[in-house]
Amino acid sequence: MHAPRILIVCGLAGAGKTTTAHRLAAARGGIRLCPDEWMRALDIDLYEQPARANIERLQWTLAQDLVRNGISAIIEWGTWSRNERDDIREWCRAKDIGVELHFLDVPVDELWERLRVRNEQPGEVVIPHFLLDHWANNAFEAPTPDELDQFDAPLDE
């Protein structure tokens, strides 16, 4: 059994964050923290940014409690900014807690194909192509090799 860690799953919409987070949770006995799921459960519009920020803050507090109590936490927020990832990593380093970054680097054309299929599913929130392009070109800061090197290597699963 490994010491508990914070595992960050980073990527744009359609990159496979939820699938990866499920796999990591099963392999590590960890708890997934997915704001989309909480927002759906609370009947909150997934595009409601203030609510999303509040839920992510609650989930970060929960992640800290989990890891302090011996349970790995899988953060499935997307963590689009370097500052956000740095803050998580720095908290973990200050507490001597392992922290991994699982970056799902998927080309935008493939993301769009996945989202196009997902958009056709009943009950799914539609993500239009223009919004994916905006996020990819204006909102997402992909981790650099230097940044990736600052995280712990993933444990064998």
Protein backbone atom coordinates (compact mmCIF):
# COMPACT_ATOMS: atom_id res chain seq x y z
CA MET A 1 0.00 0.00 0.00
CA HIS A 2 1.29 3.43 -0.94
CA ALA A 3 1.15 6.60 1.12
CA PRO A 4 -1.81 8.79 0.15
CA ARG A 5 -1.24 11.36 -2.56
CA ILE A 6 -3.01 14.13 -4.37
CA LEU A 7 -3.45 13.14 -8.02
CA ILE A 8 -4.28 15.95 -10.43
CA VAL A 9 -5.95 15.04 -13.72
CA CYS A 10 -5.31 17.89 -16.15
CA GLY A 11 -6.88 18.36 -19.56
CA LEU A 12 -9.51 20.04 -21.65
CA ALA A 13 -13.10 18.91 -22.06
CA GLY A 14 -13.20 15.54 -23.79
CA ALA A 15 -9.61 14.63 -22.89
CA GLY A 16 -10.65 11.65 -20.76
CA LYS A 17 -10.34 13.14 -17.27
CA THR A 18 -13.26 11.21 -15.81
CA THR A 19 -12.14 7.90 -17.32
CA THR A 20 -8.60 8.46 -16.04
CA ALA A 21 -9.85 9.54 -12.61
CA HIS A 22 -12.01 6.40 -12.30
CA ARG A 23 -8.99 4.24 -13.19
CA LEU A 24 -6.76 6.04 -10.69
CA ALA A 25 -9.38 5.83 -7.93
CA ALA A 26 -9.75 2.09 -8.45
CA ALA A 27 -5.99 1.50 -8.58
CA ARG A 28 -5.20 3.67 -5.54
CA GLY A 29 -8.30 3.27 -3.42
CA GLY A 30 -8.76 7.02 -3.78
CA ILE A 31 -11.72 9.36 -3.90
CA ARG A 32 -12.53 11.28 -7.09
CA LEU A 33 -13.46 14.94 -6.81
CA CYS A 34 -15.38 15.98 -9.91
CA PRO A 35 -17.17 19.35 -9.84
CA ASP A 36 -19.39 18.45 -12.82
CA GLU A 37 -20.90 15.56 -10.88
CA TRP A 38 -21.59 17.70 -7.81
CA MET A 39 -23.09 20.45 -9.95
CA ARG A 40 -25.38 17.99 -11.73
CA ALA A 41 -26.44 16.49 -8.40
CA LEU A 42 -27.26 19.98 -7.10
CA ASP A 43 -29.03 20.92 -10.37
CA ILE A 44 -26.55 23.74 -11.08
CA ASP A 45 -25.77 24.81 -14.64
CA LEU A 46 -22.31 23.49 -15.50
CA TYR A 47 -21.40 26.88 -16.98
CA GLU A 48 -22.18 28.69 -13.68
CA GLN A 49 -18.60 29.73 -12.89
CA PRO A 50 -19.12 31.18 -9.36
CA ALA A 51 -20.83 27.94 -8.28
CA ARG A 52 -18.06 25.87 -9.89
CA ALA A 53 -15.41 27.89 -8.03
CA ASN A 54 -17.23 27.34 -4.73
CA ILE A 55 -17.52 23.61 -5.34
CA GLU A 56 -13.85 23.34 -6.28
CA ARG A 57 -12.94 25.16 -3.04
CA LEU A 58 -15.05 22.69 -1.05
CA GLN A 59 -13.47 19.80 -2.93
CA TRP A 60 -9.97 21.13 -2.23
CA THR A 61 -10.75 21.25 1.50
CA LEU A 62 -12.09 17.70 1.26
CA ALA A 63 -8.98 16.56 -0.66
CA GLN A 64 -6.75 17.96 2.10
CA ASP A 65 -8.80 16.16 4.77
CA LEU A 66 -8.75 12.90 2.81
CA VAL A 67 -5.01 12.83 2.27
CA ARG A 68 -4.33 13.77 5.91
CA ASN A 69 -6.51 10.81 6.88
CA GLY A 70 -4.71 8.32 4.67
CA ILE A 71 -6.84 8.41 1.50
CA SER A 72 -5.60 9.59 -1.88
CA ALA A 73 -7.65 12.30 -3.58
CA ILE A 74 -8.06 12.53 -7.33
CA ILE A 75 -8.70 16.11 -8.47
CA GLU A 76 -10.69 16.11 -11.67
CA TRP A 77 -11.15 19.86 -12.17
CA GLY A 78 -9.13 20.14 -15.34
CA THR A 79 -6.68 22.48 -13.56
CA TRP A 80 -6.27 24.65 -16.63
CA SER A 81 -3.91 27.22 -15.13
CA ARG A 82 -0.35 26.74 -14.03
CA ASN A 83 -1.02 28.86 -10.93
CA GLU A 84 -3.76 26.45 -9.85
CA ARG A 85 -1.48 23.44 -10.30
CA ASP A 86 1.41 25.25 -8.56
CA ASP A 87 -0.81 26.05 -5.55
CA ILE A 88 -1.81 22.41 -5.16
CA ARG A 89 1.77 21.17 -5.58
CA GLU A 90 3.17 23.75 -3.12
CA TRP A 91 0.58 22.80 -0.47
CA CYS A 92 1.51 19.14 -0.91
CA ARG A 93 5.25 19.84 -0.71
CA ALA A 94 4.77 21.91 2.49
CA LYS A 95 2.90 18.96 4.05
CA ASP A 96 5.32 16.31 2.71
CA ILE A 97 2.53 14.75 0.67
CA GLY A 98 3.14 13.22 -2.73
CA VAL A 99 1.50 14.91 -5.69
CA GLU A 100 1.17 13.65 -9.25
CA LEU A 101 0.10 15.46 -12.39
CA HIS A 102 -1.62 13.32 -15.00
CA PHE A 103 -1.70 15.51 -18.11
CA LEU A 104 -4.02 14.31 -20.86
CA ASP A 105 -2.55 15.93 -23.97
CA VAL A 106 -5.12 15.30 -26.68
CA PRO A 107 -5.16 17.19 -30.01
CA VAL A 108 -8.09 19.61 -30.40
CA ASP A 109 -9.39 17.75 -33.48
CA GLU A 110 -9.67 14.55 -31.46
CA LEU A 111 -11.24 16.42 -28.52
CA TRP A 112 -13.83 17.86 -30.89
CA GLU A 113 -14.67 14.43 -32.32
CA ARG A 114 -15.16 13.04 -28.79
CA LEU A 115 -17.28 16.04 -27.80
CA ARG A 116 -19.33 15.85 -31.00
CA VAL A 117 -20.28 12.27 -30.12
CA ARG A 118 -20.90 13.18 -26.47
CA ASN A 119 -23.00 16.20 -27.46
CA GLU A 120 -25.44 13.82 -29.19
CA GLN A 121 -26.07 11.82 -25.99
CA PRO A 122 -29.31 12.58 -24.14
CA GLY A 123 -28.78 14.56 -20.94
CA GLU A 124 -25.27 15.73 -21.82
CA VAL A 125 -24.38 19.40 -21.70
CA VAL A 126 -23.55 20.48 -25.23
CA ILE A 127 -20.10 21.98 -25.72
CA PRO A 128 -19.97 23.84 -29.05
CA HIS A 129 -16.89 23.78 -31.26
CA PHE A 130 -16.27 27.52 -30.87
CA LEU A 131 -16.12 27.15 -27.09
CA LEU A 132 -13.62 24.28 -27.26
CA ASP A 133 -11.47 26.38 -29.61
CA HIS A 134 -11.70 29.35 -27.24
CA TRP A 135 -10.67 27.23 -24.27
CA ALA A 136 -7.81 25.60 -26.15
CA ASN A 137 -6.45 28.91 -27.48
CA ASN A 138 -7.21 31.34 -24.67
CA ALA A 139 -7.92 29.61 -21.36
CA PHE A 140 -5.82 26.46 -21.10
CA GLU A 141 -2.18 26.56 -20.06
CA ALA A 142 -0.73 23.19 -20.93
CA PRO A 143 1.94 21.98 -18.51
CA THR A 144 5.47 22.42 -19.81
CA PRO A 145 8.09 19.69 -19.48
CA ASP A 146 9.72 21.80 -16.73
CA GLU A 147 6.44 21.94 -14.81
CA LEU A 148 5.79 18.22 -15.23
CA ASP A 149 9.25 17.51 -13.77
CA GLN A 150 8.23 19.25 -10.53
CA PHE A 151 5.63 16.60 -9.74
CA ASP A 152 6.17 13.12 -8.35
CA ALA A 153 6.36 10.29 -10.86
CA PRO A 154 3.14 8.29 -10.95
CA LEU A 155 3.22 5.16 -8.82
CA ASP A 156 2.83 1.79 -10.49
CA GLU A 157 -0.84 0.98 -10.80
